[in-house]
Structure formats: C-alpha cells, structure tokens
Amino acid sequence: MSHKITITTEDLPERYLTSLLTSLKPEEKLRLRGVKLSVNKVGNKLIVTIEAPDISSLRATFNSVMKLMGLVIDVINQIEIEY
C-alpha cells in the first residue's frame, strides 16, 4: 500500500516560486526508503507530491519538505529586508 500527499501553494510571487522550485527539484532524484517526490510549477502555484510506502516515511519527507520551503522563504524575506 502506498501513501500520498500533495502540497499546493497559491498565488506565490515569481521570486518565491523560482527559488522553491530550484531548491526542491534535486530532491526528486533521491529515492530513499522508496519515497518519490515530484515538484512542479503550474502558473503561479507550486505543486509538491510525496508518495511513500509507509506513513512514517511520508511524515518524515513531508516534514523535511516543509522545513526546506520555510527556510527558502525566510532567506528571501531576510535578503529583501537587508537590501
């Protein structure tokens, strides 16, 4: 049995979309513990799909993706404040 979750962002500015996509794309190539990650940009939305063989792997990957997305957004906001 496979478990799946999809994260969809809404109405993000292009600078966020580009940075998030660039940061998450390399994660698609990893296939640790049977987890598959898909990252796509559709218009002004980012769609991240995580598929895992068990809930534990799904939760761990979800948490990692959310932390990475938060970090990218924090860095962009910090750069904008400083400049």
C-alpha atoms as a PDB file:
ATOM      1  CA  MET A   1       0.000   0.000   0.000  1.00  0.00           C
ATOM      2  CA  SER A   2       1.287   3.430  -0.942  1.00  0.00           C
ATOM      3  CA  HIS A   3       0.553   6.697   0.852  1.00  0.00           C
ATOM      4  CA  LYS A   4       0.434  10.038  -0.909  1.00  0.00           C
ATOM      5  CA  ILE A   5       0.174  13.711  -0.010  1.00  0.00           C
ATOM      6  CA  THR A   6       0.040  16.766  -2.263  1.00  0.00           C
ATOM      7  CA  ILE A   7       1.067  20.254  -1.155  1.00  0.00           C
ATOM      8  CA  THR A   8      -0.208  23.102  -3.327  1.00  0.00           C
ATOM      9  CA  THR A   9       0.767  26.730  -2.814  1.00  0.00           C
ATOM     10  CA  GLU A  10      -1.455  29.533  -4.063  1.00  0.00           C
ATOM     11  CA  ASP A  11      -0.574  32.886  -5.651  1.00  0.00           C
ATOM     12  CA  LEU A  12       3.129  32.986  -4.830  1.00  0.00           C
ATOM     13  CA  PRO A  13       5.293  35.748  -6.308  1.00  0.00           C
ATOM     14  CA  GLU A  14       7.677  34.574  -9.027  1.00  0.00           C
ATOM     15  CA  ARG A  15      10.767  35.045  -6.806  1.00  0.00           C
ATOM     16  CA  TYR A  16       9.365  32.533  -4.302  1.00  0.00           C
ATOM     17  CA  LEU A  17       8.257  30.060  -6.970  1.00  0.00           C
ATOM     18  CA  THR A  18      11.604  30.075  -8.731  1.00  0.00           C
ATOM     19  CA  SER A  19      13.601  29.701  -5.520  1.00  0.00           C
ATOM     20  CA  LEU A  20      11.365  26.959  -4.127  1.00  0.00           C
ATOM     21  CA  LEU A  21      11.417  25.045  -7.395  1.00  0.00           C
ATOM     22  CA  THR A  22      15.206  25.329  -7.649  1.00  0.00           C
ATOM     23  CA  SER A  23      15.628  24.173  -4.043  1.00  0.00           C
ATOM     24  CA  LEU A  24      13.235  21.227  -4.233  1.00  0.00           C
ATOM     25  CA  LYS A  25      13.986  19.880  -7.741  1.00  0.00           C
ATOM     26  CA  PRO A  26      17.173  17.996  -6.697  1.00  0.00           C
ATOM     27  CA  GLU A  27      15.116  16.102  -4.110  1.00  0.00           C
ATOM     28  CA  GLU A  28      13.194  14.424  -6.954  1.00  0.00           C
ATOM     29  CA  LYS A  29      16.272  12.414  -7.873  1.00  0.00           C
ATOM     30  CA  LEU A  30      16.576  10.836  -4.431  1.00  0.00           C
ATOM     31  CA  ARG A  31      14.675   7.600  -3.821  1.00  0.00           C
ATOM     32  CA  LEU A  32      15.388   6.953  -0.167  1.00  0.00           C
ATOM     33  CA  ARG A  33      13.228   4.326   1.551  1.00  0.00           C
ATOM     34  CA  GLY A  34      11.025   4.085  -1.539  1.00  0.00           C
ATOM     35  CA  VAL A  35       9.842   7.726  -1.299  1.00  0.00           C
ATOM     36  CA  LYS A  36       9.040   9.537  -4.543  1.00  0.00           C
ATOM     37  CA  LEU A  37       8.918  13.328  -4.644  1.00  0.00           C
ATOM     38  CA  SER A  38       7.520  15.357  -7.513  1.00  0.00           C
ATOM     39  CA  VAL A  39       7.798  19.160  -7.789  1.00  0.00           C
ATOM     40  CA  ASN A  40       6.011  21.159 -10.494  1.00  0.00           C
ATOM     41  CA  LYS A  41       5.191  24.778 -11.204  1.00  0.00           C
ATOM     42  CA  VAL A  42       1.763  25.419 -12.716  1.00  0.00           C
ATOM     43  CA  GLY A  43       1.102  29.097 -13.324  1.00  0.00           C
ATOM     44  CA  ASN A  44       1.690  30.843 -10.010  1.00  0.00           C
ATOM     45  CA  LYS A  45       1.309  27.625  -7.996  1.00  0.00           C
ATOM     46  CA  LEU A  46       3.871  25.138  -6.769  1.00  0.00           C
ATOM     47  CA  ILE A  47       2.671  21.546  -6.522  1.00  0.00           C
ATOM     48  CA  VAL A  48       4.691  19.104  -4.436  1.00  0.00           C
ATOM     49  CA  THR A  49       3.607  15.463  -4.345  1.00  0.00           C
ATOM     50  CA  ILE A  50       5.113  12.942  -1.940  1.00  0.00           C
ATOM     51  CA  GLU A  51       4.470   9.224  -2.317  1.00  0.00           C
ATOM     52  CA  ALA A  52       5.805   6.764   0.247  1.00  0.00           C
ATOM     53  CA  PRO A  53       5.385   3.079   1.069  1.00  0.00           C
ATOM     54  CA  ASP A  54       4.560   3.783   4.720  1.00  0.00           C
ATOM     55  CA  ILE A  55       3.171   6.590   6.880  1.00  0.00           C
ATOM     56  CA  SER A  56       6.449   7.031   8.755  1.00  0.00           C
ATOM     57  CA  SER A  57       8.397   7.767   5.567  1.00  0.00           C
ATOM     58  CA  LEU A  58       5.614  10.026   4.305  1.00  0.00           C
ATOM     59  CA  ARG A  59       5.617  12.044   7.539  1.00  0.00           C
ATOM     60  CA  ALA A  60       9.408  12.366   7.619  1.00  0.00           C
ATOM     61  CA  THR A  61       9.582  13.519   4.000  1.00  0.00           C
ATOM     62  CA  PHE A  62       6.668  15.925   4.468  1.00  0.00           C
ATOM     63  CA  ASN A  63       8.397  17.489   7.484  1.00  0.00           C
ATOM     64  CA  SER A  64      11.680  17.826   5.571  1.00  0.00           C
ATOM     65  CA  VAL A  65       9.995  19.438   2.577  1.00  0.00           C
ATOM     66  CA  MET A  66       8.055  21.883   4.748  1.00  0.00           C
ATOM     67  CA  LYS A  67      11.215  22.854   6.667  1.00  0.00           C
ATOM     68  CA  LEU A  68      13.121  23.414   3.416  1.00  0.00           C
ATOM     69  CA  MET A  69      10.284  25.506   1.968  1.00  0.00           C
ATOM     70  CA  GLY A  70      10.134  27.581   5.157  1.00  0.00           C
ATOM     71  CA  LEU A  71      13.891  28.095   5.104  1.00  0.00           C
ATOM     72  CA  VAL A  72      13.856  29.261   1.476  1.00  0.00           C
ATOM     73  CA  ILE A  73      11.064  31.760   2.191  1.00  0.00           C
ATOM     74  CA  ASP A  74      12.833  33.021   5.337  1.00  0.00           C
ATOM     75  CA  VAL A  75      16.060  33.589   3.395  1.00  0.00           C
ATOM     76  CA  ILE A  76      14.262  35.505   0.641  1.00  0.00           C
ATOM     77  CA  ASN A  77      12.487  37.679   3.220  1.00  0.00           C
ATOM     78  CA  GLN A  78      15.761  38.354   5.066  1.00  0.00           C
ATOM     79  CA  ILE A  79      17.537  39.334   1.842  1.00  0.00           C
ATOM     80  CA  GLU A  80      14.696  41.715   0.932  1.00  0.00           C
ATOM     81  CA  ILE A  81      14.879  43.361   4.372  1.00  0.00           C
ATOM     82  CA  GLU A  82      18.645  43.874   4.107  1.00  0.00           C
ATOM     83  CA  TYR A  83      18.550  45.318   0.590  1.00  0.00           C
END
